[in-house]
């Protein structure tokens, strides 16, 4: 993963919140069916591994943004701005 160290927040956290579910109508939601529960086992539907696969895609997209300074800066700025908003939404829901 290009020696990217884990952080407090990230692209997956601001995009998926704490659920790990892909947003309805998003590009990733259309791909989720091919990635989640690949063997179509009833007892594994909605498992934690499915959420982790979706989060991994966001992590890979983040590392891809590191290739160009412009995409890196815009991605970082979006993460910095959206993190408090996501956190406030979660505390208001409790």
N, C-alpha and C. Protein backbone atom coordinates (compact mmCIF):
# COMPACT_ATOMS: atom_id res chain seq x y z
N UNK A 1 0.83 -1.19 0.00
CA UNK A 1 0.00 0.00 0.00
C UNK A 1 0.88 1.25 0.00
N UNK A 2 1.99 1.21 -0.67
CA UNK A 2 2.87 2.36 -0.87
C UNK A 2 3.35 2.98 0.43
N UNK A 3 3.56 2.16 1.42
CA UNK A 3 4.06 2.62 2.72
C UNK A 3 3.17 3.68 3.36
N UNK A 4 1.87 3.62 3.10
CA UNK A 4 0.93 4.56 3.71
C UNK A 4 0.63 4.08 5.12
N UNK A 5 0.86 4.95 6.07
CA UNK A 5 0.62 4.62 7.48
C UNK A 5 -0.85 4.85 7.82
N UNK A 6 -1.39 4.06 8.73
CA UNK A 6 -2.79 4.27 9.13
C UNK A 6 -2.93 5.60 9.86
N UNK A 7 -4.09 6.19 9.74
CA UNK A 7 -4.33 7.47 10.39
C UNK A 7 -5.60 7.45 11.20
N UNK A 8 -5.96 8.60 11.70
CA UNK A 8 -7.16 8.74 12.52
C UNK A 8 -8.41 8.68 11.66
N UNK A 9 -8.34 9.23 10.47
CA UNK A 9 -9.47 9.26 9.56
C UNK A 9 -8.97 8.92 8.16
N UNK A 10 -9.88 8.80 7.24
CA UNK A 10 -9.48 8.48 5.88
C UNK A 10 -10.65 8.57 4.92
N UNK A 11 -10.37 8.26 3.67
CA UNK A 11 -11.37 8.35 2.63
C UNK A 11 -12.54 7.40 2.89
N UNK A 12 -12.26 6.20 3.35
CA UNK A 12 -13.35 5.25 3.64
C UNK A 12 -14.22 5.74 4.78
N UNK A 13 -13.62 6.32 5.79
CA UNK A 13 -14.39 6.76 6.96
C UNK A 13 -15.31 7.92 6.62
N UNK A 14 -14.87 8.85 5.79
CA UNK A 14 -15.73 9.98 5.46
C UNK A 14 -16.75 9.63 4.39
N UNK A 15 -16.45 8.63 3.59
CA UNK A 15 -17.35 8.24 2.51
C UNK A 15 -18.40 7.24 2.98
N UNK A 16 -18.02 6.37 3.89
CA UNK A 16 -18.92 5.30 4.33
C UNK A 16 -19.43 5.51 5.75
N UNK A 17 -18.89 6.48 6.44
CA UNK A 17 -19.26 6.66 7.84
C UNK A 17 -18.75 5.47 8.64
N UNK A 18 -19.50 5.10 9.65
CA UNK A 18 -19.07 4.00 10.51
C UNK A 18 -19.68 2.67 10.10
N UNK A 19 -20.59 2.69 9.15
CA UNK A 19 -21.30 1.46 8.79
C UNK A 19 -20.51 0.57 7.85
N UNK A 20 -19.81 1.17 6.91
CA UNK A 20 -19.11 0.38 5.91
C UNK A 20 -19.99 0.04 4.73
N UNK A 21 -21.24 0.50 4.76
CA UNK A 21 -22.16 0.25 3.65
C UNK A 21 -21.93 1.29 2.55
N UNK A 22 -21.92 0.84 1.33
CA UNK A 22 -21.75 1.75 0.20
C UNK A 22 -22.99 2.63 0.05
N UNK A 23 -22.81 3.93 -0.22
CA UNK A 23 -23.95 4.82 -0.40
C UNK A 23 -24.82 4.38 -1.58
N UNK A 24 -26.12 4.45 -1.39
CA UNK A 24 -27.07 4.06 -2.44
C UNK A 24 -26.80 4.87 -3.71
N UNK A 25 -26.81 4.20 -4.85
CA UNK A 25 -26.65 4.85 -6.14
C UNK A 25 -25.21 5.21 -6.49
N UNK A 26 -24.27 4.95 -5.60
CA UNK A 26 -22.87 5.28 -5.89
C UNK A 26 -22.26 4.23 -6.81
N UNK A 27 -21.16 4.60 -7.41
CA UNK A 27 -20.45 3.68 -8.29
C UNK A 27 -20.02 2.43 -7.53
N UNK A 28 -19.58 2.62 -6.29
CA UNK A 28 -19.12 1.48 -5.48
C UNK A 28 -20.29 0.56 -5.13
N UNK A 29 -21.49 1.11 -4.98
CA UNK A 29 -22.66 0.28 -4.67
C UNK A 29 -22.97 -0.67 -5.83
N UNK A 30 -22.74 -0.19 -7.04
CA UNK A 30 -22.98 -1.05 -8.21
C UNK A 30 -21.97 -2.19 -8.27
N UNK A 31 -20.77 -1.94 -7.77
CA UNK A 31 -19.73 -2.98 -7.77
C UNK A 31 -19.84 -3.91 -6.57
N UNK A 32 -20.54 -3.47 -5.53
CA UNK A 32 -20.60 -4.23 -4.28
C UNK A 32 -21.14 -5.64 -4.48
N UNK A 33 -22.10 -5.81 -5.34
CA UNK A 33 -22.70 -7.14 -5.55
C UNK A 33 -21.67 -8.14 -6.06
N UNK A 34 -20.69 -7.69 -6.81
CA UNK A 34 -19.68 -8.61 -7.32
C UNK A 34 -18.59 -8.89 -6.30
N UNK A 35 -18.46 -8.01 -5.30
CA UNK A 35 -17.41 -8.16 -4.31
C UNK A 35 -17.90 -8.82 -3.02
N UNK A 36 -19.14 -8.60 -2.69
CA UNK A 36 -19.65 -9.11 -1.42
C UNK A 36 -20.24 -10.51 -1.61
N UNK A 37 -19.96 -11.35 -0.64
CA UNK A 37 -20.48 -12.71 -0.62
C UNK A 37 -20.27 -13.41 -1.98
N UNK A 38 -19.02 -13.54 -2.40
CA UNK A 38 -18.75 -14.06 -3.75
C UNK A 38 -19.28 -15.48 -4.00
N UNK A 39 -19.48 -16.27 -2.95
CA UNK A 39 -19.99 -17.63 -3.15
C UNK A 39 -21.48 -17.72 -2.86
N UNK A 40 -22.12 -16.57 -2.64
CA UNK A 40 -23.57 -16.48 -2.42
C UNK A 40 -24.04 -17.42 -1.31
N UNK A 41 -23.34 -17.40 -0.19
CA UNK A 41 -23.71 -18.21 0.96
C UNK A 41 -24.67 -17.42 1.84
N UNK A 42 -25.83 -17.98 2.08
CA UNK A 42 -26.88 -17.29 2.83
C UNK A 42 -26.41 -16.86 4.22
N UNK A 43 -25.67 -17.72 4.90
CA UNK A 43 -25.25 -17.43 6.27
C UNK A 43 -24.18 -16.34 6.36
N UNK A 44 -23.59 -15.93 5.25
CA UNK A 44 -22.56 -14.89 5.30
C UNK A 44 -23.05 -13.55 4.78
N UNK A 45 -24.30 -13.45 4.40
CA UNK A 45 -24.81 -12.17 3.87
C UNK A 45 -24.69 -11.09 4.93
N UNK A 46 -24.17 -9.94 4.54
CA UNK A 46 -24.01 -8.82 5.45
C UNK A 46 -22.90 -8.97 6.45
N UNK A 47 -21.93 -9.81 6.16
CA UNK A 47 -20.85 -10.07 7.12
C UNK A 47 -19.86 -8.91 7.17
N UNK A 48 -19.08 -8.89 8.21
CA UNK A 48 -18.07 -7.86 8.40
C UNK A 48 -17.03 -7.88 7.28
N UNK A 49 -16.74 -9.05 6.75
CA UNK A 49 -15.77 -9.16 5.65
C UNK A 49 -16.24 -8.38 4.43
N UNK A 50 -17.54 -8.35 4.18
CA UNK A 50 -18.07 -7.59 3.06
C UNK A 50 -17.80 -6.10 3.24
N UNK A 51 -18.02 -5.60 4.44
CA UNK A 51 -17.76 -4.19 4.72
C UNK A 51 -16.27 -3.89 4.57
N UNK A 52 -15.43 -4.81 4.99
CA UNK A 52 -13.99 -4.60 4.89
C UNK A 52 -13.54 -4.54 3.43
N UNK A 53 -14.17 -5.31 2.56
CA UNK A 53 -13.81 -5.28 1.14
C UNK A 53 -14.13 -3.91 0.54
N UNK A 54 -15.28 -3.35 0.91
CA UNK A 54 -15.66 -2.04 0.41
C UNK A 54 -14.68 -0.98 0.94
N UNK A 55 -14.34 -1.05 2.21
CA UNK A 55 -13.40 -0.08 2.79
C UNK A 55 -12.03 -0.21 2.13
N UNK A 56 -11.63 -1.41 1.79
CA UNK A 56 -10.35 -1.61 1.12
C UNK A 56 -10.31 -0.89 -0.23
N UNK A 57 -11.42 -0.90 -0.95
CA UNK A 57 -11.46 -0.18 -2.23
C UNK A 57 -11.21 1.31 -2.03
N UNK A 58 -11.80 1.87 -0.99
CA UNK A 58 -11.57 3.28 -0.70
C UNK A 58 -10.12 3.52 -0.32
N UNK A 59 -9.53 2.62 0.44
CA UNK A 59 -8.13 2.76 0.80
C UNK A 59 -7.23 2.68 -0.43
N UNK A 60 -7.57 1.83 -1.35
CA UNK A 60 -6.80 1.73 -2.59
C UNK A 60 -6.96 2.99 -3.44
N UNK A 61 -8.16 3.54 -3.46
CA UNK A 61 -8.39 4.79 -4.19
C UNK A 61 -7.57 5.92 -3.56
N UNK A 62 -7.49 5.93 -2.24
CA UNK A 62 -6.69 6.95 -1.57
C UNK A 62 -5.22 6.82 -1.96
N UNK A 63 -4.69 5.63 -1.95
CA UNK A 63 -3.28 5.46 -2.31
C UNK A 63 -3.03 5.84 -3.77
N UNK A 64 -4.04 5.61 -4.62
CA UNK A 64 -3.89 6.02 -6.02
C UNK A 64 -3.84 7.54 -6.14
N UNK A 65 -4.52 8.25 -5.22
CA UNK A 65 -4.51 9.71 -5.28
C UNK A 65 -3.14 10.28 -4.94
N UNK A 66 -2.28 9.49 -4.36
CA UNK A 66 -0.95 9.96 -3.98
C UNK A 66 -0.02 10.15 -5.18
N UNK A 67 -0.42 9.65 -6.33
CA UNK A 67 0.47 9.70 -7.49
C UNK A 67 0.68 11.10 -8.04
N UNK A 68 -0.33 11.96 -7.87
CA UNK A 68 -0.20 13.33 -8.37
C UNK A 68 -0.44 14.29 -7.22
N UNK A 69 0.34 15.32 -7.16
CA UNK A 69 0.22 16.29 -6.07
C UNK A 69 -1.18 16.91 -6.04
N UNK A 70 -1.72 17.22 -7.19
CA UNK A 70 -3.04 17.87 -7.26
C UNK A 70 -4.13 16.97 -6.68
N UNK A 71 -4.15 15.70 -7.07
CA UNK A 71 -5.18 14.80 -6.54
C UNK A 71 -4.94 14.51 -5.06
N UNK A 72 -3.69 14.43 -4.67
CA UNK A 72 -3.37 14.22 -3.26
C UNK A 72 -3.89 15.36 -2.41
N UNK A 73 -3.59 16.60 -2.82
CA UNK A 73 -4.01 17.77 -2.04
C UNK A 73 -5.53 17.90 -1.99
N UNK A 74 -6.20 17.65 -3.10
CA UNK A 74 -7.67 17.76 -3.09
C UNK A 74 -8.31 16.66 -2.25
N UNK A 75 -7.75 15.46 -2.29
CA UNK A 75 -8.28 14.37 -1.47
C UNK A 75 -8.04 14.64 0.00
N UNK A 76 -6.85 15.11 0.35
CA UNK A 76 -6.54 15.43 1.74
C UNK A 76 -7.44 16.55 2.26
N UNK A 77 -7.64 17.57 1.44
CA UNK A 77 -8.50 18.69 1.85
C UNK A 77 -9.93 18.20 2.09
N UNK A 78 -10.43 17.34 1.21
CA UNK A 78 -11.78 16.80 1.38
C UNK A 78 -11.88 16.00 2.68
N UNK A 79 -10.88 15.20 2.97
CA UNK A 79 -10.88 14.39 4.20
C UNK A 79 -10.86 15.30 5.43
N UNK A 80 -10.03 16.33 5.40
CA UNK A 80 -9.92 17.24 6.53
C UNK A 80 -11.23 17.98 6.77
N UNK A 81 -11.89 18.41 5.71
CA UNK A 81 -13.14 19.16 5.85
C UNK A 81 -14.30 18.25 6.27
N UNK A 82 -14.38 17.07 5.68
CA UNK A 82 -15.53 16.20 5.94
C UNK A 82 -15.46 15.43 7.25
N UNK A 83 -14.28 15.20 7.79
CA UNK A 83 -14.16 14.42 9.02
C UNK A 83 -14.98 15.00 10.17
N UNK A 84 -14.87 16.30 10.48
CA UNK A 84 -15.70 16.83 11.56
C UNK A 84 -17.19 16.73 11.27
N UNK A 85 -17.57 16.88 10.01
CA UNK A 85 -18.98 16.78 9.65
C UNK A 85 -19.52 15.38 9.90
N UNK A 86 -18.75 14.37 9.54
CA UNK A 86 -19.15 12.99 9.78
C UNK A 86 -19.24 12.73 11.28
N UNK A 87 -18.29 13.24 12.03
CA UNK A 87 -18.29 13.04 13.48
C UNK A 87 -19.49 13.72 14.12
N UNK A 88 -19.82 14.92 13.68
CA UNK A 88 -20.99 15.62 14.23
C UNK A 88 -22.29 14.90 13.91
N UNK A 89 -22.39 14.37 12.71
CA UNK A 89 -23.59 13.61 12.35
C UNK A 89 -23.77 12.40 13.24
N UNK A 90 -22.66 11.74 13.57
CA UNK A 90 -22.74 10.55 14.41
C UNK A 90 -23.12 10.90 15.85
N UNK A 91 -22.63 12.01 16.36
CA UNK A 91 -22.95 12.36 17.75
C UNK A 91 -24.38 12.89 17.85
N UNK A 92 -24.89 13.50 16.80
CA UNK A 92 -26.26 13.99 16.82
C UNK A 92 -27.27 12.84 16.74
N UNK A 93 -26.86 11.74 16.13
CA UNK A 93 -27.76 10.59 15.98
C UNK A 93 -27.93 9.79 17.26
N UNK A 94 -27.12 10.03 18.25
CA UNK A 94 -27.18 9.25 19.50
C UNK A 94 -28.16 9.83 20.47
